[in-house]
Amino acid sequence: MHLDAFEVIGGSPLQGELHPQGAKNEALQVLCAVLLTPEPVTISNVPAIRDVLQLIDLLRGMGVKIAQTAADTYVFQADEVQLDYIYTEDYYKAAGRIRGSVMLLGPLLARFGQALLPKPGGDKIGRRRLDTHLLGLEALGAQFDFDPDRNLYRISASTIQGQYLLMDEISVTGTANVVMAAALGQGITTIYNAACEPYVQQLCRLLQRMGAHIEGLGSNLLRIRGVASLHGAEHRLLPDMIEVGSFIGLAAMTQSNITIRNAGISELGIIPRVFERLGISLDIQGDDIHIAPHEHYEIQSFIDGSILTIYDAPWPGFTPDLMSIVLVTAIQAKGSVLIHQKMFESRLFFVDKLIDMGAQIILCDPHRATVIGLDRRFPLRGIEMTSPDIRAGVALLIAALSAKGRSVISNIHQIDRGYQHIDERLRAIGAQIQRI
């Protein structure tokens, strides 16, 4: 039987340590990069979550030799890749299940001159266009041929030729694809309006260790001088900043005493500051964050006294993946905040569940919600609900843990796609949560 619901008995504070898993979004990029060399690439701190494990299976199907040397460490060697596999029904089905598979295009084109792309799956959070990837790779010399019968793109490139690219949108995975293709291309590729997320920086660091020439790390202007071949390397994934943010929200909301160990503070950007604006005190000690129990936390207003607005923006702005968490955390704060989700439509539709639990939220439109903090005047009440996407799932889980009584969250395979063993890890610090 597939256990696809969490039963949560909320309302009790938690206590203990949480260790963030390796970053999911970084894992999906660097795993694709192993195809760029016939030599072994070792990747550690790999999270055991569905999207990542499916991508590893996909690489195995392509003939990549994979040895798991520890619970979170794998050695990949792509010296005998079976290109025929990408034309099979198996590949088509497996690649269609995970969005991360789109980043196989750059490496496959650069090293083997051919690739296949099914229309991808993943979260339903509004349109995520693939134009940026396709236009970027096309500019480098790829030819695309759409097969409407099988609903897929066949892609080929005799050579990857360096170009000046102005990306039409800041796409993390689009940037990753172009960087990987250009690393083995001819001449110099310049990407302006490149995504500069820590994940992209980490991918570039791995490629540099593999022998790639890349300048401009951390900026939106990358310069890649192609090389003839890349060699093996070792790489460790950053801690997942989305998990770190989720744990901060969880601690404040449930009045818990939590230490987040090895949080990767230097790579968190403005995330800690945004939570501090919600009135949450963070005690940063080395690379750990301690959050003491918060009986009350008050949302700061802007300097001129107007109501705080929190909005998402491409890095180094505030990540859209934490908007759901910030929204939930504000429910028990003192004061009001406008949550403006600019980058994706339909990510706020889960607020109706929170309103059913007793939250005071005005959904203005698909992009904006105003939260009027309860300041713990009364607790949320437990209800039965369904998780629409990964991040909303964890936001609902935080709400349920802070609520009085029993909640049931169904469709939690969405949570499992992004958070490994979240129920076990929360039980270890005192949460009453089980799969039913």
Protein backbone atom coordinates (compact mmCIF):
# COMPACT_ATOMS: atom_id res chain seq x y z
CA MET A 1 0.00 0.00 0.00
CA HIS A 2 1.27 3.47 -0.86
CA LEU A 3 1.30 5.61 2.27
CA ASP A 4 0.37 8.95 0.84
CA ALA A 5 -0.86 10.99 3.81
CA PHE A 6 0.60 12.43 7.00
CA GLU A 7 -1.39 12.41 10.19
CA VAL A 8 -0.21 15.24 12.41
CA ILE A 9 -1.19 15.97 16.01
CA GLY A 10 -0.14 19.59 16.44
CA GLY A 11 0.21 22.13 19.20
CA SER A 12 3.28 20.91 21.06
CA PRO A 13 6.68 22.61 20.87
CA LEU A 14 9.65 20.73 19.40
CA GLN A 15 13.18 20.59 20.70
CA GLY A 16 16.48 19.47 19.24
CA GLU A 17 18.74 19.61 16.21
CA LEU A 18 17.88 19.50 12.52
CA HIS A 19 20.42 18.82 9.78
CA PRO A 20 19.51 20.19 6.35
CA GLN A 21 19.83 17.75 3.47
CA GLY A 22 21.91 18.45 0.38
CA ALA A 23 20.39 21.00 -1.99
CA LYS A 24 17.88 19.35 -4.33
CA ASN A 25 18.16 21.97 -7.09
CA GLU A 26 21.95 21.81 -7.06
CA ALA A 27 21.89 18.01 -7.14
CA LEU A 28 19.80 17.97 -10.32
CA GLN A 29 22.38 20.20 -12.06
CA VAL A 30 25.63 18.58 -10.98
CA LEU A 31 24.29 15.07 -11.62
CA CYS A 32 23.74 16.02 -15.27
CA ALA A 33 27.32 17.35 -15.45
CA VAL A 34 28.78 13.85 -14.93
CA LEU A 35 28.00 13.18 -18.61
CA LEU A 36 30.60 15.78 -19.67
CA THR A 37 33.59 13.52 -18.96
CA PRO A 38 34.52 9.84 -19.32
CA GLU A 39 36.38 10.08 -15.98
CA PRO A 40 34.90 9.40 -12.52
CA VAL A 41 33.02 12.24 -10.78
CA THR A 42 32.33 11.89 -7.04
CA ILE A 43 29.37 13.78 -5.57
CA SER A 44 28.61 13.85 -1.85
CA ASN A 45 25.81 15.18 0.38
CA VAL A 46 23.29 13.88 -2.18
CA PRO A 47 19.73 13.94 -0.79
CA ALA A 48 17.76 10.66 -1.01
CA ILE A 49 14.65 12.24 -2.52
CA ARG A 50 12.47 11.07 -5.36
CA ASP A 51 13.49 13.62 -8.04
CA VAL A 52 17.19 12.98 -7.42
CA LEU A 53 16.94 9.18 -7.23
CA GLN A 54 14.95 9.14 -10.49
CA LEU A 55 17.64 11.18 -12.22
CA ILE A 56 20.32 8.77 -10.92
CA ASP A 57 18.25 5.87 -12.35
CA LEU A 58 18.02 7.71 -15.65
CA LEU A 59 21.84 8.05 -15.79
CA ARG A 60 22.16 4.35 -14.91
CA GLY A 61 19.83 3.51 -17.80
CA MET A 62 22.11 5.48 -20.13
CA GLY A 63 25.00 3.24 -19.18
CA VAL A 64 26.69 5.53 -16.65
CA LYS A 65 28.54 3.37 -14.10
CA ILE A 66 27.38 4.33 -10.62
CA ALA A 67 28.85 3.22 -7.32
CA GLN A 68 27.31 4.34 -4.03
CA THR A 69 30.22 4.62 -1.61
CA ALA A 70 28.27 6.04 1.36
CA ALA A 71 24.64 6.86 2.18
CA ASP A 72 25.00 10.29 0.55
CA THR A 73 27.96 9.74 -1.81
CA TYR A 74 28.09 8.42 -5.36
CA VAL A 75 30.82 7.93 -7.95
CA PHE A 76 29.67 8.35 -11.56
CA GLN A 77 31.63 7.31 -14.63
CA ALA A 78 30.19 8.06 -18.07
CA ASP A 79 32.82 6.31 -20.20
CA GLU A 80 30.43 3.90 -21.96
CA VAL A 81 27.21 5.87 -22.47
CA GLN A 82 24.54 3.98 -24.45
CA LEU A 83 23.06 6.71 -26.63
CA ASP A 84 20.43 4.31 -28.01
CA TYR A 85 18.74 4.42 -24.62
CA ILE A 86 17.62 8.04 -25.05
CA TYR A 87 15.44 6.94 -27.99
CA THR A 88 13.60 4.24 -25.99
CA GLU A 89 10.13 4.39 -24.49
CA ASP A 90 11.69 3.82 -21.03
CA TYR A 91 13.83 6.95 -21.28
CA TYR A 92 10.93 8.93 -22.66
CA LYS A 93 8.70 7.99 -19.70
CA ALA A 94 11.38 8.42 -17.03
CA ALA A 95 12.67 11.76 -18.36
CA GLY A 96 9.12 13.08 -18.66
CA ARG A 97 8.56 12.52 -14.92
CA ILE A 98 11.26 14.89 -13.70
CA ARG A 99 11.96 18.45 -14.74
CA GLY A 100 15.63 18.05 -13.90
CA SER A 101 16.02 15.86 -16.97
CA VAL A 102 15.97 18.98 -19.17
CA MET A 103 19.55 19.67 -17.99
CA LEU A 104 20.77 16.49 -19.68
CA LEU A 105 20.43 18.37 -23.00
CA GLY A 106 23.52 20.58 -22.66
CA PRO A 107 25.91 17.76 -21.69
CA LEU A 108 24.50 15.29 -24.24
CA LEU A 109 24.76 17.83 -27.06
CA ALA A 110 28.24 18.98 -26.09
CA ARG A 111 29.72 15.51 -25.77
CA PHE A 112 27.65 13.36 -28.13
CA GLY A 113 26.01 15.83 -30.51
CA GLN A 114 22.47 14.54 -29.93
CA ALA A 115 19.72 14.58 -27.32
CA LEU A 116 16.03 13.97 -26.84
CA LEU A 117 13.59 15.99 -24.73
CA PRO A 118 10.12 14.83 -23.73
CA LYS A 119 7.68 17.54 -22.64
CA PRO A 120 8.69 17.63 -18.96
CA GLY A 121 6.59 17.06 -15.82
CA GLY A 122 7.14 18.38 -12.27
CA ASP A 123 5.30 20.97 -10.20
CA LYS A 124 2.13 22.59 -11.40
CA ILE A 125 2.97 26.16 -10.46
CA GLY A 126 2.13 27.99 -13.62
CA ARG A 127 3.87 27.83 -16.97
CA ARG A 128 7.55 27.15 -16.82
CA ARG A 129 8.62 27.81 -20.36
CA LEU A 130 11.49 25.90 -21.86
CA ASP A 131 12.09 28.56 -24.50
CA THR A 132 15.13 29.89 -22.64
CA HIS A 133 16.89 26.51 -22.82
CA LEU A 134 15.99 25.88 -26.41
CA LEU A 135 16.89 29.38 -27.64
CA GLY A 136 20.17 29.30 -25.73
CA LEU A 137 21.22 25.91 -27.11
CA GLU A 138 19.99 26.87 -30.57
CA ALA A 139 22.23 29.95 -30.54
CA LEU A 140 25.17 27.63 -29.80
CA GLY A 141 24.38 25.58 -32.91
CA ALA A 142 21.74 23.03 -31.90
CA GLN A 143 18.93 22.06 -34.30
CA PHE A 144 15.51 21.25 -32.88
CA ASP A 145 12.95 19.03 -34.45
CA PHE A 146 9.59 18.65 -32.69
CA ASP A 147 7.86 15.28 -33.13
CA PRO A 148 4.14 15.94 -32.45
CA ASP A 149 3.24 12.21 -32.56
CA ARG A 150 5.52 11.38 -29.64
CA ASN A 151 5.35 14.85 -28.06
CA LEU A 152 9.12 15.27 -27.91
CA TYR A 153 12.03 17.28 -29.27
CA ARG A 154 14.90 15.64 -31.15
CA ILE A 155 18.00 17.79 -30.89
CA SER A 156 21.32 17.60 -32.70
CA ALA A 157 24.48 19.68 -33.01
CA SER A 158 27.54 18.95 -35.11
CA THR A 159 29.57 21.49 -33.11
CA ILE A 160 28.85 23.81 -30.22
CA GLN A 161 30.07 27.25 -31.23
CA GLY A 162 30.63 30.00 -28.67
CA GLN A 163 28.28 33.01 -28.91
CA TYR A 164 27.20 36.16 -27.10
CA LEU A 165 23.86 35.30 -25.48
CA LEU A 166 21.46 37.69 -23.80
CA MET A 167 19.05 35.39 -21.93
CA ASP A 168 15.43 36.44 -22.41
CA GLU A 169 14.66 35.44 -18.82
CA ILE A 170 16.75 34.58 -15.78
CA SER A 171 16.43 30.80 -15.83
CA VAL A 172 18.51 28.74 -13.40
CA THR A 173 18.22 25.52 -15.36
CA GLY A 174 18.49 27.38 -18.68
CA THR A 175 21.77 28.95 -17.54
CA ALA A 176 23.03 25.56 -16.33
CA ASN A 177 22.27 23.95 -19.70
CA VAL A 178 24.07 26.62 -21.70
CA VAL A 179 27.09 26.66 -19.34
CA MET A 180 27.50 22.88 -19.59
CA ALA A 181 27.20 22.91 -23.39
CA ALA A 182 29.59 25.87 -23.75
CA ALA A 183 32.20 24.27 -21.47
CA LEU A 184 32.96 21.70 -24.20
CA GLY A 185 32.20 24.08 -27.07
CA GLN A 186 34.50 25.97 -29.42
CA GLY A 187 35.48 29.56 -28.73
CA ILE A 188 34.01 31.89 -26.12
CA THR A 189 30.42 31.95 -24.93
CA THR A 190 29.20 34.99 -23.02
CA ILE A 191 25.92 34.70 -21.11
CA TYR A 192 24.38 37.98 -19.97
CA ASN A 193 21.32 37.96 -17.68
CA ALA A 194 22.57 34.60 -16.44
CA ALA A 195 21.05 33.19 -13.26
CA CYS A 196 23.51 33.58 -10.39
CA GLU A 197 21.91 31.31 -7.73
CA PRO A 198 24.33 29.44 -5.45
CA TYR A 199 23.35 26.28 -7.36
CA VAL A 200 24.68 27.73 -10.64
CA GLN A 201 27.82 28.92 -8.85
CA GLN A 202 28.31 25.41 -7.46
CA LEU A 203 27.87 23.88 -10.91
CA CYS A 204 30.49 26.31 -12.25
CA ARG A 205 32.88 25.40 -9.39
CA LEU A 206 32.51 21.70 -10.23
CA LEU A 207 33.10 22.42 -13.94
CA GLN A 208 36.18 24.49 -13.06
CA ARG A 209 37.56 21.55 -11.07
CA MET A 210 36.86 19.40 -14.14
CA GLY A 211 39.02 21.77 -16.21
CA ALA A 212 36.47 24.23 -17.60
CA HIS A 213 37.34 27.93 -18.07
CA ILE A 214 34.55 30.03 -16.55
CA GLU A 215 34.70 33.64 -15.39
CA GLY A 216 32.12 35.74 -13.57
CA LEU A 217 30.92 33.29 -10.91
CA GLY A 218 28.20 34.83 -8.76
CA SER A 219 27.41 37.56 -11.29
CA ASN A 220 24.86 37.68 -14.11
CA LEU A 221 27.60 37.87 -16.74
CA LEU A 222 29.37 34.56 -17.34
CA ARG A 223 32.22 34.02 -19.78
CA ILE A 224 33.06 30.46 -20.80
CA ARG A 225 36.02 29.53 -22.95
CA GLY A 226 35.38 26.08 -24.39
CA VAL A 227 37.91 23.27 -23.90
CA ALA A 228 38.38 20.03 -25.85
CA SER A 229 37.73 17.71 -22.91
CA LEU A 230 36.95 17.70 -19.18
CA HIS A 231 38.27 15.35 -16.50
CA GLY A 232 37.01 13.81 -13.24
CA ALA A 233 36.51 15.75 -10.01
CA GLU A 234 34.94 15.67 -6.54
CA HIS A 235 32.07 17.84 -5.40
CA ARG A 236 30.03 18.34 -2.25
CA LEU A 237 26.51 19.77 -2.43
CA LEU A 238 25.55 22.80 -0.34
CA PRO A 239 22.96 22.41 2.40
CA ASP A 240 19.46 23.01 1.02
CA MET A 241 18.62 26.66 1.73
CA ILE A 242 14.91 25.95 1.25
CA GLU A 243 15.06 23.43 4.08
CA VAL A 244 16.95 25.88 6.27
CA GLY A 245 14.24 28.51 5.68
CA SER A 246 11.49 25.95 6.29
CA PHE A 247 13.04 24.98 9.62
CA ILE A 248 13.30 28.63 10.73
CA GLY A 249 9.59 29.12 9.98
CA LEU A 250 8.72 25.84 11.71
CA ALA A 251 10.63 26.82 14.87
CA ALA A 252 8.97 30.24 15.18
CA MET A 253 5.48 29.00 14.39
CA THR A 254 5.56 26.10 16.89
CA GLN A 255 7.41 27.98 19.69
CA SER A 256 10.18 25.41 19.47
CA ASN A 257 13.80 25.37 20.56
CA ILE A 258 15.67 24.28 17.45
CA THR A 259 19.27 24.33 16.26
CA ILE A 260 19.87 24.00 12.53
CA ARG A 261 23.34 22.48 12.13
CA ASN A 262 25.66 23.15 9.18
CA ALA A 263 23.22 25.57 7.57
CA GLY A 264 25.63 26.92 4.92
CA ILE A 265 25.19 30.46 6.28
CA SER A 266 27.56 32.06 3.76
CA GLU A 267 25.32 30.90 0.88
CA LEU A 268 21.92 31.89 2.35
CA GLY A 269 21.86 35.39 0.86
CA ILE A 270 19.04 37.52 2.28
CA ILE A 271 17.01 34.56 3.60
CA PRO A 272 17.92 35.11 7.30
CA ARG A 273 17.15 38.84 6.97
CA VAL A 274 13.67 38.19 5.59
CA PHE A 275 12.80 35.97 8.56
CA GLU A 276 14.23 38.60 10.91
CA ARG A 277 11.82 41.12 9.35
CA LEU A 278 9.01 38.83 10.46
CA GLY A 279 10.32 39.37 14.00
CA ILE A 280 12.19 36.07 14.35
CA SER A 281 15.44 36.21 16.35
CA LEU A 282 18.19 34.08 14.85
CA ASP A 283 21.26 33.28 16.91
CA ILE A 284 23.97 32.43 14.40
CA GLN A 285 26.90 30.50 15.90
CA GLY A 286 29.53 29.50 13.37
CA ASP A 287 27.61 27.62 10.67
CA ASP A 288 24.66 26.80 12.97
CA ILE A 289 21.44 28.74 13.54
CA HIS A 290 19.75 28.53 16.92
CA ILE A 291 16.12 29.61 17.23
CA ALA A 292 14.89 29.96 20.82
CA PRO A 293 11.15 29.57 21.58
CA HIS A 294 9.22 32.62 20.32
CA GLU A 295 6.16 33.34 22.44
CA HIS A 296 5.59 36.38 20.21
CA TYR A 297 7.25 37.77 17.09
CA GLU A 298 6.32 41.08 15.52
CA ILE A 299 6.45 41.88 11.82
CA GLN A 300 8.55 44.97 11.20
CA SER A 301 7.12 47.73 9.06
CA PHE A 302 9.11 49.71 6.52
CA ILE A 303 11.01 52.72 7.84
CA ASP A 304 8.22 55.09 6.76
CA GLY A 305 5.70 53.00 8.70
CA SER A 306 4.02 51.36 5.70
CA ILE A 307 3.12 47.66 5.74
CA LEU A 308 5.94 45.23 4.98
CA THR A 309 5.87 43.60 1.55
CA ILE A 310 7.83 40.42 0.91
CA TYR A 311 8.26 39.49 -2.75
CA ASP A 312 10.33 36.96 -4.63
CA ALA A 313 12.98 37.84 -7.18
CA PRO A 314 15.80 36.07 -9.00
CA TRP A 315 18.93 35.59 -6.87
CA PRO A 316 20.27 37.43 -4.96
CA GLY A 317 16.63 38.39 -4.29
CA PHE A 318 14.38 36.26 -2.09
CA THR A 319 13.77 32.78 -3.49
CA PRO A 320 10.21 31.99 -4.66
CA ASP A 321 10.54 28.56 -3.03
CA LEU A 322 10.28 30.13 0.44
CA MET A 323 7.26 32.36 -0.20
CA SER A 324 4.83 29.69 1.03
CA ILE A 325 6.88 29.25 4.21
CA VAL A 326 7.01 33.00 4.93
CA LEU A 327 3.27 33.25 4.38
CA VAL A 328 2.53 30.47 6.88
CA THR A 329 4.99 31.80 9.44
CA ALA A 330 3.31 35.23 9.35
CA ILE A 331 -0.03 33.70 10.45
CA GLN A 332 0.95 33.72 14.14
CA ALA A 333 3.05 36.90 14.01
CA LYS A 334 1.93 40.25 15.37
CA GLY A 335 1.18 42.69 12.55
CA SER A 336 0.43 42.34 8.84
CA VAL A 337 2.42 41.57 5.73
CA LEU A 338 1.73 41.53 1.99
CA ILE A 339 3.13 38.41 0.30
CA HIS A 340 3.69 39.11 -3.39
CA GLN A 341 4.56 35.99 -5.40
CA LYS A 342 5.76 37.53 -8.66
CA MET A 343 7.53 34.73 -10.43
CA PHE A 344 4.86 31.99 -10.52
CA GLU A 345 1.12 32.18 -10.72
CA SER A 346 -1.09 29.74 -8.75
CA ARG A 347 1.44 29.12 -5.98
CA LEU A 348 -0.80 30.87 -3.44
CA PHE A 349 -3.91 28.78 -4.03
CA PHE A 350 -3.23 26.69 -0.92
CA VAL A 351 -4.20 29.61 1.36
CA ASP A 352 -7.83 28.45 1.37
CA LYS A 353 -6.69 25.50 3.53
CA LEU A 354 -5.00 27.92 5.95
CA ILE A 355 -8.16 30.05 6.11
CA ASP A 356 -10.11 26.87 6.95
CA MET A 357 -7.65 26.36 9.83
CA GLY A 358 -8.45 29.83 11.18
CA ALA A 359 -5.76 32.00 9.57
CA GLN A 360 -6.64 35.57 8.66
CA ILE A 361 -5.52 35.87 5.05
CA ILE A 362 -6.94 37.92 2.20
CA LEU A 363 -6.13 36.40 -1.19
CA CYS A 364 -5.99 39.51 -3.38
CA ASP A 365 -5.29 37.75 -6.70
CA PRO A 366 -3.20 34.75 -7.93
CA HIS A 367 -0.01 36.61 -7.02
CA ARG A 368 -0.76 38.45 -3.78
CA ALA A 369 -2.01 37.60 -0.31
CA THR A 370 -2.23 39.77 2.80
CA VAL A 371 -1.66 37.98 6.09
CA ILE A 372 -3.11 39.58 9.23
CA GLY A 373 -1.15 38.03 12.08
CA LEU A 374 -3.06 36.34 14.91
CA ASP A 375 -0.28 36.99 17.47
CA ARG A 376 -1.27 33.65 19.08
CA ARG A 377 -4.65 35.01 20.24
CA PHE A 378 -5.96 31.63 19.17
CA PRO A 379 -4.28 28.56 17.66
CA LEU A 380 -5.01 27.20 14.20
CA ARG A 381 -7.30 24.15 14.20
CA GLY A 382 -6.40 20.84 12.58
CA ILE A 383 -8.20 19.90 9.33
CA GLU A 384 -7.92 17.44 6.43
CA MET A 385 -6.19 18.88 3.37
CA THR A 386 -4.24 18.06 0.20
CA SER A 387 -0.78 19.28 -0.80
CA PRO A 388 -0.69 20.93 -4.28
CA ASP A 389 3.10 21.27 -4.68
CA ILE A 390 6.34 20.57 -2.81
CA ARG A 391 6.70 23.90 -1.00
CA ALA A 392 3.01 24.36 -0.17
CA GLY A 393 3.13 20.82 1.25
CA VAL A 394 5.75 21.76 3.80
CA ALA A 395 3.98 25.05 4.56
CA LEU A 396 0.81 23.08 5.32
CA LEU A 397 2.87 20.69 7.45
CA ILE A 398 4.21 23.64 9.49
CA ALA A 399 0.65 24.94 9.91
CA ALA A 400 -0.53 21.50 11.05
CA LEU A 401 2.30 21.13 13.59
CA SER A 402 1.36 24.50 15.07
CA ALA A 403 -2.39 23.77 15.06
CA LYS A 404 -4.50 22.38 17.83
CA GLY A 405 -5.74 18.84 17.24
CA ARG A 406 -5.41 16.41 14.34
CA SER A 407 -4.64 17.26 10.72
CA VAL A 408 -4.35 14.94 7.76
CA ILE A 409 -2.31 16.07 4.74
CA SER A 410 -2.77 13.90 1.67
CA ASN A 411 -0.86 13.81 -1.64
CA ILE A 412 2.41 13.93 0.32
CA HIS A 413 4.44 12.28 -2.44
CA GLN A 414 4.75 15.95 -3.45
CA ILE A 415 6.59 16.61 -0.16
CA ASP A 416 8.74 13.48 -0.60
CA ARG A 417 9.91 14.81 -3.98
CA GLY A 418 11.78 17.59 -2.18
CA TYR A 419 12.37 16.64 1.46
CA GLN A 420 13.99 13.38 2.53
CA HIS A 421 12.48 11.44 5.47
CA ILE A 422 10.91 14.66 6.75
CA ASP A 423 8.56 12.73 9.05
CA GLU A 424 11.39 10.78 10.70
CA ARG A 425 13.50 13.88 11.14
CA LEU A 426 10.62 15.81 12.73
CA ARG A 427 9.67 12.87 14.97
CA ALA A 428 13.25 12.88 16.26
CA ILE A 429 12.69 16.39 17.69
CA GLY A 430 9.30 15.56 19.21
CA ALA A 431 6.76 16.05 16.39
CA GLN A 432 3.69 13.81 16.39
CA ILE A 433 3.58 12.86 12.73
CA GLN A 434 3.00 9.56 10.98
CA ARG A 435 2.29 8.17 7.53
CA ILE A 436 -1.17 6.70 7.10
